[in-house]
Amino acid sequence: MDFPDSNEQPPNDNTNHELAAQKEQILKQVLTPEARSRLNNIKMVKPELSDMVEQYLIGMATQGKLPGQINDDQLKQILLSAQQPKRDFKINRI
């Protein structure tokens, strides 16, 4: 019986690590330090929103559609446009 060597990592885990490193490198180039800090804070609270914004920024950067670094105010606008509109409910009591 052949047991897998505990020192070997599955190839899928290694590629995931490389992709994450590339993603972080692109985000470092695209975002100012303040904007990166805000995005990391949002990742702790709303990981789905953070992932969606990261994919958007990476896509724009790879297409060359970003004129420069995204600052904190620009990131706020992107986050506001990416969020689903909230519905307000008003309850009238009779």
N, C-alpha and C. Protein backbone atom coordinates (compact mmCIF):
# COMPACT_ATOMS: atom_id res chain seq x y z
N MET A 1 0.84 -1.17 0.00
CA MET A 1 0.00 0.00 0.00
C MET A 1 0.89 1.24 0.00
N ASP A 2 0.55 2.22 -0.85
CA ASP A 2 1.37 3.42 -1.02
C ASP A 2 0.68 4.60 -0.35
N PHE A 3 1.37 5.22 0.59
CA PHE A 3 0.82 6.39 1.27
C PHE A 3 1.41 7.65 0.65
N PRO A 4 0.58 8.68 0.51
CA PRO A 4 1.13 9.93 -0.04
C PRO A 4 2.11 10.57 0.93
N ASP A 5 3.13 11.18 0.39
CA ASP A 5 4.13 11.86 1.20
C ASP A 5 3.51 13.11 1.81
N SER A 6 3.68 13.28 3.11
CA SER A 6 3.05 14.41 3.80
C SER A 6 3.69 15.74 3.43
N ASN A 7 4.89 15.72 2.85
CA ASN A 7 5.56 16.96 2.46
C ASN A 7 5.05 17.50 1.13
N GLU A 8 4.43 16.65 0.34
CA GLU A 8 3.94 17.10 -0.96
C GLU A 8 2.59 17.78 -0.80
N GLN A 9 2.43 18.94 -1.48
CA GLN A 9 1.15 19.63 -1.47
C GLN A 9 0.41 19.27 -2.75
N PRO A 10 -0.90 19.23 -2.67
CA PRO A 10 -1.64 18.98 -3.90
C PRO A 10 -1.39 20.11 -4.90
N PRO A 11 -1.31 19.81 -6.18
CA PRO A 11 -1.01 20.85 -7.15
C PRO A 11 -2.06 21.96 -7.17
N ASN A 12 -3.31 21.65 -6.85
CA ASN A 12 -4.37 22.64 -6.85
C ASN A 12 -4.13 23.70 -5.78
N ASP A 13 -3.62 23.30 -4.63
CA ASP A 13 -3.36 24.24 -3.55
C ASP A 13 -2.24 25.20 -3.94
N ASN A 14 -1.24 24.70 -4.64
CA ASN A 14 -0.12 25.54 -5.06
C ASN A 14 -0.57 26.57 -6.08
N THR A 15 -1.42 26.19 -7.02
CA THR A 15 -1.90 27.14 -8.01
C THR A 15 -2.81 28.18 -7.38
N ASN A 16 -3.61 27.79 -6.37
CA ASN A 16 -4.45 28.75 -5.67
C ASN A 16 -3.58 29.79 -4.96
N HIS A 17 -2.47 29.34 -4.38
CA HIS A 17 -1.57 30.25 -3.70
C HIS A 17 -0.94 31.24 -4.69
N GLU A 18 -0.55 30.74 -5.85
CA GLU A 18 0.05 31.61 -6.88
C GLU A 18 -0.96 32.63 -7.39
N LEU A 19 -2.20 32.20 -7.60
CA LEU A 19 -3.24 33.12 -8.07
C LEU A 19 -3.52 34.19 -7.02
N ALA A 20 -3.54 33.82 -5.76
CA ALA A 20 -3.77 34.79 -4.70
C ALA A 20 -2.62 35.80 -4.64
N ALA A 21 -1.40 35.33 -4.86
CA ALA A 21 -0.25 36.23 -4.84
C ALA A 21 -0.31 37.20 -6.02
N GLN A 22 -0.71 36.72 -7.20
CA GLN A 22 -0.85 37.60 -8.36
C GLN A 22 -1.95 38.63 -8.12
N LYS A 23 -3.05 38.19 -7.53
CA LYS A 23 -4.18 39.08 -7.23
C LYS A 23 -3.73 40.19 -6.28
N GLU A 24 -3.00 39.82 -5.23
CA GLU A 24 -2.51 40.82 -4.27
C GLU A 24 -1.55 41.79 -4.92
N GLN A 25 -0.70 41.30 -5.82
CA GLN A 25 0.27 42.16 -6.49
C GLN A 25 -0.45 43.19 -7.36
N ILE A 26 -1.47 42.77 -8.09
CA ILE A 26 -2.24 43.69 -8.94
C ILE A 26 -2.94 44.73 -8.07
N LEU A 27 -3.56 44.28 -6.96
CA LEU A 27 -4.26 45.22 -6.09
C LEU A 27 -3.30 46.22 -5.45
N LYS A 28 -2.06 45.80 -5.16
CA LYS A 28 -1.07 46.74 -4.61
C LYS A 28 -0.73 47.83 -5.62
N GLN A 29 -0.70 47.47 -6.90
CA GLN A 29 -0.39 48.44 -7.94
C GLN A 29 -1.56 49.37 -8.21
N VAL A 30 -2.78 48.87 -8.07
CA VAL A 30 -3.97 49.61 -8.46
C VAL A 30 -4.50 50.51 -7.35
N LEU A 31 -4.36 50.09 -6.09
CA LEU A 31 -4.96 50.82 -4.97
C LEU A 31 -3.91 51.56 -4.15
N THR A 32 -4.30 52.72 -3.63
CA THR A 32 -3.44 53.42 -2.68
C THR A 32 -3.47 52.67 -1.35
N PRO A 33 -2.53 52.92 -0.46
CA PRO A 33 -2.53 52.20 0.83
C PRO A 33 -3.83 52.39 1.62
N GLU A 34 -4.40 53.59 1.59
CA GLU A 34 -5.65 53.84 2.31
C GLU A 34 -6.79 53.01 1.72
N ALA A 35 -6.85 52.95 0.39
CA ALA A 35 -7.91 52.19 -0.28
C ALA A 35 -7.73 50.69 -0.01
N ARG A 36 -6.50 50.21 0.00
CA ARG A 36 -6.27 48.79 0.31
C ARG A 36 -6.69 48.47 1.73
N SER A 37 -6.42 49.38 2.65
CA SER A 37 -6.82 49.19 4.03
C SER A 37 -8.34 49.11 4.14
N ARG A 38 -9.04 50.00 3.44
CA ARG A 38 -10.50 49.99 3.47
C ARG A 38 -11.04 48.68 2.89
N LEU A 39 -10.46 48.23 1.77
CA LEU A 39 -10.92 46.99 1.14
C LEU A 39 -10.68 45.79 2.06
N ASN A 40 -9.56 45.78 2.77
CA ASN A 40 -9.28 44.69 3.72
C ASN A 40 -10.26 44.71 4.89
N ASN A 41 -10.64 45.90 5.35
CA ASN A 41 -11.63 46.00 6.42
C ASN A 41 -12.99 45.48 5.94
N ILE A 42 -13.34 45.81 4.73
CA ILE A 42 -14.62 45.36 4.19
C ILE A 42 -14.61 43.84 3.99
N LYS A 43 -13.45 43.30 3.65
CA LYS A 43 -13.34 41.86 3.45
C LYS A 43 -13.69 41.09 4.73
N MET A 44 -13.39 41.68 5.89
CA MET A 44 -13.71 41.02 7.15
C MET A 44 -15.22 41.02 7.42
N VAL A 45 -15.92 42.06 6.97
CA VAL A 45 -17.34 42.19 7.27
C VAL A 45 -18.20 41.61 6.16
N LYS A 46 -17.88 41.96 4.92
CA LYS A 46 -18.66 41.50 3.77
C LYS A 46 -17.72 40.92 2.71
N PRO A 47 -17.32 39.66 2.88
CA PRO A 47 -16.36 39.08 1.93
C PRO A 47 -16.89 39.00 0.50
N GLU A 48 -18.22 38.84 0.33
CA GLU A 48 -18.78 38.75 -1.02
C GLU A 48 -18.60 40.08 -1.76
N LEU A 49 -18.87 41.18 -1.08
CA LEU A 49 -18.73 42.50 -1.68
C LEU A 49 -17.27 42.78 -2.01
N SER A 50 -16.39 42.43 -1.10
CA SER A 50 -14.97 42.63 -1.31
C SER A 50 -14.47 41.84 -2.52
N ASP A 51 -14.87 40.58 -2.63
CA ASP A 51 -14.45 39.76 -3.77
C ASP A 51 -14.96 40.33 -5.08
N MET A 52 -16.21 40.81 -5.08
CA MET A 52 -16.78 41.37 -6.30
C MET A 52 -16.02 42.62 -6.73
N VAL A 53 -15.68 43.49 -5.78
CA VAL A 53 -14.94 44.71 -6.10
C VAL A 53 -13.52 44.37 -6.53
N GLU A 54 -12.89 43.40 -5.89
CA GLU A 54 -11.54 42.99 -6.29
C GLU A 54 -11.54 42.47 -7.73
N GLN A 55 -12.51 41.63 -8.08
CA GLN A 55 -12.58 41.11 -9.44
C GLN A 55 -12.80 42.24 -10.45
N TYR A 56 -13.64 43.21 -10.08
CA TYR A 56 -13.88 44.37 -10.95
C TYR A 56 -12.59 45.15 -11.17
N LEU A 57 -11.87 45.44 -10.09
CA LEU A 57 -10.64 46.22 -10.19
C LEU A 57 -9.56 45.48 -10.99
N ILE A 58 -9.45 44.17 -10.77
CA ILE A 58 -8.45 43.39 -11.51
C ILE A 58 -8.81 43.36 -12.99
N GLY A 59 -10.09 43.19 -13.29
CA GLY A 59 -10.52 43.20 -14.69
C GLY A 59 -10.24 44.53 -15.37
N MET A 60 -10.51 45.62 -14.69
CA MET A 60 -10.25 46.95 -15.25
C MET A 60 -8.75 47.18 -15.43
N ALA A 61 -7.96 46.71 -14.49
CA ALA A 61 -6.51 46.89 -14.57
C ALA A 61 -5.92 46.08 -15.72
N THR A 62 -6.38 44.85 -15.90
CA THR A 62 -5.83 44.02 -16.97
C THR A 62 -6.25 44.53 -18.34
N GLN A 63 -7.38 45.22 -18.43
CA GLN A 63 -7.81 45.80 -19.69
C GLN A 63 -7.20 47.17 -19.94
N GLY A 64 -6.50 47.70 -18.95
CA GLY A 64 -5.85 49.00 -19.09
C GLY A 64 -6.82 50.16 -19.00
N LYS A 65 -7.94 49.99 -18.34
CA LYS A 65 -8.95 51.04 -18.26
C LYS A 65 -8.84 51.90 -17.01
N LEU A 66 -7.86 51.63 -16.16
CA LEU A 66 -7.67 52.45 -14.97
C LEU A 66 -6.59 53.49 -15.27
N PRO A 67 -6.92 54.77 -15.11
CA PRO A 67 -5.95 55.82 -15.44
C PRO A 67 -4.77 55.89 -14.47
N GLY A 68 -4.96 55.50 -13.24
CA GLY A 68 -3.90 55.55 -12.22
C GLY A 68 -4.35 54.75 -11.02
N GLN A 69 -3.78 55.08 -9.89
CA GLN A 69 -4.17 54.38 -8.67
C GLN A 69 -5.54 54.87 -8.20
N ILE A 70 -6.30 53.95 -7.64
CA ILE A 70 -7.60 54.27 -7.07
C ILE A 70 -7.38 54.72 -5.63
N ASN A 71 -7.87 55.94 -5.31
CA ASN A 71 -7.72 56.41 -3.93
C ASN A 71 -8.95 56.00 -3.11
N ASP A 72 -8.94 56.39 -1.85
CA ASP A 72 -9.98 55.97 -0.92
C ASP A 72 -11.36 56.49 -1.34
N ASP A 73 -11.44 57.74 -1.77
CA ASP A 73 -12.74 58.30 -2.18
C ASP A 73 -13.29 57.60 -3.42
N GLN A 74 -12.42 57.28 -4.38
CA GLN A 74 -12.86 56.57 -5.57
C GLN A 74 -13.33 55.16 -5.22
N LEU A 75 -12.63 54.51 -4.28
CA LEU A 75 -13.04 53.17 -3.85
C LEU A 75 -14.40 53.22 -3.16
N LYS A 76 -14.65 54.27 -2.38
CA LYS A 76 -15.96 54.42 -1.75
C LYS A 76 -17.07 54.48 -2.79
N GLN A 77 -16.83 55.21 -3.88
CA GLN A 77 -17.83 55.31 -4.96
C GLN A 77 -18.04 53.97 -5.63
N ILE A 78 -16.98 53.21 -5.84
CA ILE A 78 -17.10 51.89 -6.45
C ILE A 78 -17.89 50.96 -5.53
N LEU A 79 -17.61 51.04 -4.23
CA LEU A 79 -18.32 50.20 -3.26
C LEU A 79 -19.80 50.55 -3.20
N LEU A 80 -20.11 51.84 -3.24
CA LEU A 80 -21.52 52.25 -3.22
C LEU A 80 -22.26 51.76 -4.47
N SER A 81 -21.60 51.83 -5.61
CA SER A 81 -22.27 51.39 -6.84
C SER A 81 -22.38 49.87 -6.91
N ALA A 82 -21.50 49.15 -6.21
CA ALA A 82 -21.53 47.69 -6.25
C ALA A 82 -22.55 47.09 -5.29
N GLN A 83 -22.91 47.83 -4.25
CA GLN A 83 -23.85 47.30 -3.27
C GLN A 83 -25.26 47.27 -3.84
N GLN A 84 -26.00 46.28 -3.41
CA GLN A 84 -27.40 46.18 -3.80
C GLN A 84 -28.18 47.29 -3.11
N PRO A 85 -29.13 47.89 -3.82
CA PRO A 85 -29.91 48.94 -3.16
C PRO A 85 -30.73 48.36 -2.02
N LYS A 86 -30.76 49.09 -0.93
CA LYS A 86 -31.52 48.64 0.23
C LYS A 86 -32.97 49.09 0.07
N ARG A 87 -33.87 48.26 0.53
CA ARG A 87 -35.28 48.60 0.47
C ARG A 87 -35.71 49.12 1.84
N ASP A 88 -36.42 50.21 1.81
CA ASP A 88 -36.96 50.77 3.04
C ASP A 88 -38.41 50.33 3.18
N PHE A 89 -38.74 49.91 4.36
CA PHE A 89 -40.11 49.52 4.66
C PHE A 89 -40.67 50.48 5.68
N LYS A 90 -41.86 50.91 5.42
CA LYS A 90 -42.54 51.79 6.37
C LYS A 90 -43.81 51.09 6.81
N ILE A 91 -43.95 50.96 8.09
CA ILE A 91 -45.12 50.27 8.66
C ILE A 91 -46.03 51.31 9.27
N ASN A 92 -47.23 51.39 8.76
CA ASN A 92 -48.24 52.29 9.31
C ASN A 92 -49.17 51.49 10.20
N ARG A 93 -49.30 51.94 11.42
CA ARG A 93 -50.20 51.26 12.35
C ARG A 93 -51.53 52.00 12.37
N ILE A 94 -52.56 51.22 12.38
CA ILE A 94 -53.90 51.81 12.37
C ILE A 94 -54.51 51.70 13.74
